[in-house]
N, C-alpha and C. Protein backbone atom coordinates (compact mmCIF):
# COMPACT_ATOMS: atom_id res chain seq x y z
N UNK A 1 4.54 -13.44 3.90
CA UNK A 1 4.18 -11.73 3.84
C UNK A 1 3.46 -11.57 5.47
N UNK A 2 3.60 -10.19 5.87
CA UNK A 2 2.92 -9.50 6.84
C UNK A 2 1.78 -8.55 6.41
N UNK A 3 2.18 -8.26 4.98
CA UNK A 3 1.70 -6.63 4.55
C UNK A 3 1.18 -7.11 2.90
N UNK A 4 0.60 -5.88 2.87
CA UNK A 4 0.79 -5.60 1.26
C UNK A 4 1.87 -6.20 0.17
N UNK A 5 2.74 -5.80 1.00
CA UNK A 5 4.31 -5.58 0.39
C UNK A 5 4.95 -6.54 0.81
N UNK A 6 5.48 -7.51 0.37
CA UNK A 6 6.45 -8.27 1.34
C UNK A 6 8.00 -8.02 0.68
N UNK A 7 8.47 -7.36 2.04
CA UNK A 7 10.06 -6.54 1.47
C UNK A 7 11.36 -7.76 1.61
N UNK A 8 10.98 -8.56 2.21
CA UNK A 8 11.69 -9.67 1.91
C UNK A 8 11.92 -9.88 0.48
N UNK A 9 10.91 -10.26 -0.23
CA UNK A 9 10.95 -10.60 -1.67
C UNK A 9 12.02 -9.53 -2.18
N UNK A 10 10.88 -7.81 -2.05
CA UNK A 10 11.79 -6.51 -2.30
C UNK A 10 13.46 -6.81 -2.50
N UNK A 11 13.90 -7.13 -1.22
CA UNK A 11 15.52 -7.10 -0.84
C UNK A 11 16.08 -8.38 -1.34
N UNK A 12 15.47 -9.34 -1.58
CA UNK A 12 16.28 -10.17 -3.01
C UNK A 12 16.80 -9.60 -4.17
N UNK A 13 16.24 -8.43 -4.39
CA UNK A 13 16.52 -7.65 -5.83
C UNK A 13 17.31 -6.34 -4.91
N UNK A 14 16.83 -5.64 -4.45
CA UNK A 14 17.70 -4.70 -3.75
C UNK A 14 18.87 -4.56 -2.85
N UNK A 15 19.27 -6.53 -2.21
CA UNK A 15 19.74 -6.02 -1.24
C UNK A 15 19.41 -5.73 0.14
N UNK A 16 17.94 -5.39 0.35
CA UNK A 16 17.49 -4.26 1.60
C UNK A 16 17.90 -3.37 1.83
N UNK A 17 18.43 -2.62 0.41
CA UNK A 17 19.15 -0.94 0.60
C UNK A 17 17.35 -0.66 0.87
N UNK A 18 17.62 0.20 2.09
CA UNK A 18 16.18 1.06 1.95
C UNK A 18 15.92 2.13 1.30
N UNK A 19 16.92 2.64 0.92
CA UNK A 19 17.21 4.06 -0.37
C UNK A 19 16.32 3.32 -0.96
N UNK A 20 17.14 2.33 -1.99
CA UNK A 20 16.30 1.72 -3.17
C UNK A 20 15.25 0.83 -3.13
N UNK A 21 14.89 0.76 -1.70
CA UNK A 21 13.32 0.11 -1.90
C UNK A 21 12.46 1.16 -1.86
N UNK A 22 13.03 2.78 -1.20
CA UNK A 22 12.32 3.26 -1.28
C UNK A 22 11.66 3.94 -2.97
N UNK A 23 12.98 4.02 -3.31
CA UNK A 23 12.78 4.20 -4.51
C UNK A 23 12.17 3.44 -6.07
N UNK A 24 12.20 2.29 -5.84
CA UNK A 24 11.44 1.46 -6.37
C UNK A 24 9.92 1.44 -5.92
N UNK A 25 9.71 1.69 -4.79
CA UNK A 25 8.19 1.65 -3.96
C UNK A 25 7.52 3.16 -4.70
N UNK A 26 8.87 4.02 -4.87
CA UNK A 26 7.70 5.45 -5.28
C UNK A 26 7.42 5.39 -7.09
N UNK A 27 8.24 4.38 -7.51
CA UNK A 27 8.13 4.33 -8.99
C UNK A 27 6.85 3.41 -9.24
N UNK A 28 6.99 2.23 -8.27
CA UNK A 28 5.69 1.34 -8.65
C UNK A 28 4.39 2.08 -8.29
N UNK A 29 4.48 3.14 -6.93
CA UNK A 29 3.07 3.97 -6.57
C UNK A 29 3.00 4.67 -7.76
N UNK A 30 3.38 5.03 -8.32
CA UNK A 30 3.29 5.89 -9.44
C UNK A 30 2.58 5.37 -10.45
N UNK A 31 2.99 4.59 -11.37
CA UNK A 31 3.21 3.74 -11.99
C UNK A 31 1.59 2.84 -11.79
N UNK A 32 1.02 2.21 -10.78
CA UNK A 32 0.03 1.64 -10.34
C UNK A 32 -1.15 2.35 -10.58
N UNK A 33 -0.74 3.76 -10.18
CA UNK A 33 -2.02 4.45 -9.83
C UNK A 33 -2.37 5.11 -11.40
N UNK A 34 -1.19 4.75 -12.14
CA UNK A 34 -1.71 5.52 -13.72
C UNK A 34 -2.42 4.38 -14.42
N UNK A 35 -2.31 3.00 -14.04
CA UNK A 35 -2.69 1.85 -14.15
C UNK A 35 -3.85 1.78 -14.21
N UNK A 36 -4.14 2.01 -13.07
CA UNK A 36 -6.21 1.97 -12.52
C UNK A 36 -6.64 3.20 -12.87
N UNK A 37 -6.20 3.87 -12.77
CA UNK A 37 -7.06 4.99 -13.78
C UNK A 37 -7.18 4.46 -15.39
N UNK A 38 -6.17 3.93 -15.75
CA UNK A 38 -6.29 3.68 -17.72
C UNK A 38 -7.41 2.65 -17.11
N UNK A 39 -7.66 1.48 -16.33
CA UNK A 39 -8.48 0.59 -16.30
C UNK A 39 -9.77 1.03 -15.92
N UNK A 40 -10.09 2.02 -15.57
CA UNK A 40 -11.61 2.05 -15.48
C UNK A 40 -12.13 2.47 -16.80
N UNK A 41 -11.26 3.60 -17.72
CA UNK A 41 -11.41 3.92 -18.79
C UNK A 41 -11.41 2.91 -20.02
N UNK A 42 -10.62 1.97 -19.56
CA UNK A 42 -10.92 0.74 -20.61
C UNK A 42 -12.15 0.29 -20.12
N UNK A 43 -12.39 -0.21 -19.18
CA UNK A 43 -13.86 -0.93 -19.02
C UNK A 43 -14.66 0.25 -19.68
N UNK A 44 -14.93 1.17 -19.41
CA UNK A 44 -16.14 2.10 -19.83
C UNK A 44 -15.95 2.14 -21.18
N UNK A 45 -15.12 1.88 -22.04
CA UNK A 45 -14.90 1.98 -23.19
C UNK A 45 -15.31 0.71 -24.17
N UNK A 46 -15.22 -0.29 -23.20
CA UNK A 46 -14.65 -2.00 -23.54
C UNK A 46 -13.73 -2.09 -24.64
N UNK A 47 -12.53 -1.78 -24.25
CA UNK A 47 -11.51 -2.04 -24.58
C UNK A 47 -10.75 -3.14 -24.22
N UNK A 48 -11.22 -4.35 -25.10
CA UNK A 48 -10.78 -5.40 -24.10
C UNK A 48 -9.33 -5.63 -24.48
N UNK A 49 -8.72 -5.34 -25.39
CA UNK A 49 -7.09 -5.33 -25.95
C UNK A 49 -6.34 -4.45 -24.68
N UNK A 50 -6.47 -3.08 -24.67
CA UNK A 50 -6.26 -2.58 -23.85
C UNK A 50 -7.02 -3.06 -21.82
N UNK A 51 -7.42 -3.66 -21.85
CA UNK A 51 -7.88 -4.59 -20.44
C UNK A 51 -6.83 -5.22 -19.64
N UNK A 52 -6.89 -6.50 -21.36
CA UNK A 52 -5.86 -7.18 -20.97
C UNK A 52 -4.07 -6.80 -20.66
N UNK A 53 -3.97 -5.67 -21.42
CA UNK A 53 -2.40 -5.42 -22.05
C UNK A 53 -2.41 -4.72 -20.47
N UNK A 54 -3.08 -3.70 -19.48
CA UNK A 54 -2.57 -2.94 -18.66
C UNK A 54 -3.14 -4.11 -17.25
N UNK A 55 -3.25 -5.08 -17.37
CA UNK A 55 -3.81 -6.05 -15.78
C UNK A 55 -2.28 -6.56 -16.46
N UNK A 56 -1.96 -7.15 -17.60
CA UNK A 56 -0.36 -7.74 -17.58
C UNK A 56 0.49 -7.20 -17.26
N UNK A 57 0.38 -5.95 -17.03
CA UNK A 57 1.61 -4.94 -16.81
C UNK A 57 1.59 -4.58 -15.24
N UNK A 58 0.78 -4.53 -14.72
CA UNK A 58 0.27 -4.00 -13.30
C UNK A 58 0.57 -5.58 -12.70
N UNK A 59 0.59 -6.70 -13.34
CA UNK A 59 0.29 -8.08 -12.73
C UNK A 59 1.94 -8.10 -12.28
N UNK A 60 2.69 -7.82 -13.47
CA UNK A 60 4.16 -7.70 -13.78
C UNK A 60 4.83 -7.10 -12.52
N UNK A 61 4.73 -6.10 -12.28
CA UNK A 61 5.29 -5.35 -11.65
C UNK A 61 4.92 -5.22 -10.12
N UNK A 62 3.37 -5.30 -9.99
CA UNK A 62 2.95 -5.92 -8.38
C UNK A 62 4.37 -6.77 -8.02
N UNK A 63 4.21 -8.26 -8.87
CA UNK A 63 5.04 -9.48 -8.57
C UNK A 63 6.02 -9.31 -8.53
N UNK A 64 6.91 -8.17 -9.11
CA UNK A 64 8.16 -7.38 -9.15
C UNK A 64 8.81 -7.00 -7.40
N UNK A 65 7.71 -6.03 -6.81
CA UNK A 65 8.28 -5.79 -5.83
C UNK A 65 8.04 -6.03 -4.28
N UNK A 66 7.06 -7.60 -4.67
CA UNK A 66 5.95 -8.48 -3.83
C UNK A 66 4.92 -7.96 -3.40
N UNK A 67 4.03 -7.36 -4.01
CA UNK A 67 2.62 -6.88 -3.82
C UNK A 67 1.83 -8.10 -4.26
N UNK A 68 1.87 -9.23 -3.88
CA UNK A 68 1.56 -10.56 -4.14
C UNK A 68 -0.16 -10.56 -4.17
N UNK A 69 -0.83 -9.88 -3.54
CA UNK A 69 -2.34 -9.65 -3.39
C UNK A 69 -2.50 -9.30 -4.46
N UNK A 70 -2.11 -8.32 -5.12
CA UNK A 70 -2.75 -6.97 -5.77
C UNK A 70 -2.15 -7.47 -7.28
N UNK A 71 -1.26 -8.03 -7.45
CA UNK A 71 -0.53 -8.93 -8.63
C UNK A 71 -1.93 -10.56 -8.93
N UNK A 72 -2.22 -10.67 -7.83
CA UNK A 72 -3.10 -11.82 -8.13
C UNK A 72 -4.29 -11.29 -8.29
N UNK A 73 -4.89 -10.31 -7.96
CA UNK A 73 -5.67 -9.69 -8.10
C UNK A 73 -5.94 -9.09 -9.71
N UNK A 74 -4.94 -8.85 -10.19
CA UNK A 74 -4.61 -8.31 -11.50
C UNK A 74 -4.74 -9.07 -13.13
N UNK A 75 -4.27 -10.69 -12.11
CA UNK A 75 -3.91 -12.04 -12.95
C UNK A 75 -5.53 -12.48 -13.26
N UNK A 76 -6.12 -12.24 -11.56
CA UNK A 76 -7.62 -13.01 -12.30
C UNK A 76 -8.64 -11.95 -13.01
N UNK A 77 -8.40 -10.50 -13.16
CA UNK A 77 -9.04 -9.49 -13.73
C UNK A 77 -8.61 -9.46 -15.09
N UNK A 78 -7.38 -10.10 -15.70
CA UNK A 78 -6.74 -10.30 -17.04
C UNK A 78 -7.39 -10.96 -17.63
N UNK A 79 -7.85 -12.42 -17.29
CA UNK A 79 -8.99 -12.67 -18.29
C UNK A 79 -10.44 -12.60 -18.57
N UNK A 80 -10.45 -11.76 -18.08
CA UNK A 80 -12.11 -10.98 -18.09
C UNK A 80 -11.75 -10.39 -19.20
N UNK A 81 -13.28 -10.24 -19.86
CA UNK A 81 -13.55 -9.70 -20.73
C UNK A 81 -15.03 -8.67 -20.28
N UNK A 82 -14.14 -7.43 -20.64
CA UNK A 82 -15.09 -6.70 -20.41
C UNK A 82 -16.58 -6.59 -20.48
N UNK A 83 -16.25 -6.58 -22.34
CA UNK A 83 -17.40 -6.37 -23.07
C UNK A 83 -18.56 -7.52 -22.91
N UNK A 84 -17.96 -9.06 -22.59
CA UNK A 84 -18.80 -10.13 -22.28
C UNK A 84 -20.00 -9.96 -21.10
N UNK A 85 -18.75 -9.60 -19.91
CA UNK A 85 -19.26 -9.45 -18.58
C UNK A 85 -19.08 -8.28 -17.80
N UNK A 86 -19.67 -6.77 -17.88
CA UNK A 86 -19.34 -6.18 -17.46
C UNK A 86 -19.24 -6.11 -16.08
N UNK A 87 -20.63 -6.80 -15.66
CA UNK A 87 -20.73 -7.12 -13.86
C UNK A 87 -19.07 -7.52 -13.07
N UNK A 88 -18.80 -8.78 -13.76
CA UNK A 88 -17.58 -9.32 -13.37
C UNK A 88 -16.30 -8.84 -13.23
N UNK A 89 -16.12 -8.06 -14.58
CA UNK A 89 -15.22 -6.86 -14.75
C UNK A 89 -15.48 -5.91 -13.72
N UNK A 90 -16.42 -5.35 -13.54
CA UNK A 90 -16.46 -4.14 -12.63
C UNK A 90 -16.17 -4.65 -11.24
N UNK A 91 -16.46 -5.86 -10.75
CA UNK A 91 -16.36 -6.70 -9.70
C UNK A 91 -14.77 -6.44 -9.60
N UNK A 92 -13.87 -7.18 -10.61
CA UNK A 92 -12.47 -7.62 -10.48
C UNK A 92 -11.98 -6.13 -10.38
N UNK A 93 -12.50 -4.87 -11.23
CA UNK A 93 -12.05 -3.84 -10.92
C UNK A 93 -12.07 -3.39 -9.48
N UNK A 94 -13.04 -3.15 -8.81
CA UNK A 94 -13.17 -2.89 -7.22
C UNK A 94 -12.51 -3.80 -6.38
N UNK A 95 -12.15 -5.12 -6.61
CA UNK A 95 -11.00 -5.94 -6.03
C UNK A 95 -9.48 -5.25 -6.20
N UNK A 96 -9.65 -4.85 -7.20
CA UNK A 96 -8.01 -4.43 -7.44
C UNK A 96 -7.71 -3.20 -6.80
N UNK A 97 -8.82 -1.99 -7.13
CA UNK A 97 -8.89 -1.61 -6.37
C UNK A 97 -8.37 -0.87 -5.07
N UNK A 98 -9.15 -1.68 -4.57
CA UNK A 98 -8.55 -2.16 -3.26
C UNK A 98 -7.55 -2.49 -2.82
N UNK A 99 -7.03 -3.89 -3.49
CA UNK A 99 -5.71 -3.94 -3.55
C UNK A 99 -4.65 -3.09 -3.52
N UNK A 100 -5.07 -2.45 -4.44
CA UNK A 100 -4.06 -0.95 -5.18
C UNK A 100 -3.65 0.13 -3.92
N UNK A 101 -4.85 0.13 -3.29
CA UNK A 101 -5.26 1.06 -2.11
C UNK A 101 -4.26 0.88 -0.82
N UNK A 102 -4.55 -0.46 -0.76
CA UNK A 102 -3.56 -0.98 0.67
C UNK A 102 -2.25 -1.06 0.09
N UNK A 103 -1.76 -1.26 -1.20
CA UNK A 103 -0.47 -1.35 -1.12
C UNK A 103 0.16 0.41 -1.13
N UNK A 104 -0.77 1.12 -1.73
CA UNK A 104 -0.63 2.32 -1.62
C UNK A 104 -0.01 3.07 -0.21
N UNK A 105 -1.37 2.67 0.87
CA UNK A 105 -0.73 2.79 2.11
C UNK A 105 0.31 2.30 2.84
N UNK A 106 0.79 1.16 2.20
CA UNK A 106 1.84 0.42 2.73
C UNK A 106 3.01 1.05 2.45
N UNK A 107 2.95 1.66 0.96
CA UNK A 107 4.03 2.43 0.40
C UNK A 107 4.06 3.57 1.27
N UNK A 108 3.43 4.39 1.76
CA UNK A 108 3.08 5.51 2.53
C UNK A 108 3.64 5.31 3.70
N UNK A 109 3.05 4.47 3.90
CA UNK A 109 3.88 4.47 5.38
C UNK A 109 5.66 3.87 5.65
N UNK A 110 5.73 3.02 4.45
CA UNK A 110 7.19 2.86 3.88
C UNK A 110 8.04 4.23 4.19
N UNK A 111 7.60 5.16 3.79
CA UNK A 111 8.42 6.08 2.74
C UNK A 111 8.34 7.03 4.07
N UNK A 112 7.22 7.05 4.91
CA UNK A 112 7.36 8.01 6.24
C UNK A 112 8.50 8.23 7.39
N UNK A 113 8.88 6.73 7.13
CA UNK A 113 10.12 6.24 7.77
C UNK A 113 10.49 6.96 8.20
């Protein structure tokens, strides 16, 4: 993999169709942005169940498009209890946000081609 999204992995599902890649990446970009925003609210509210569920969803979606570093960050944060360890959960969310931003920038570059 050379960037935040493994296009070879994505091509296994899309046959390398650039229009289909673009459509899937646009959908992921919107979904990921919404999920990351929800995570901040869940952290602040101390919603452990929601925290786990959103990380799980993000992990699966990221793996689906080949955003493995983002998926790994979601997997690591998914196991945390934001109520029991707010500092660790906050740090994990910061890492996740950085990786999500890298994926978003990659997608924007891909779509601009």
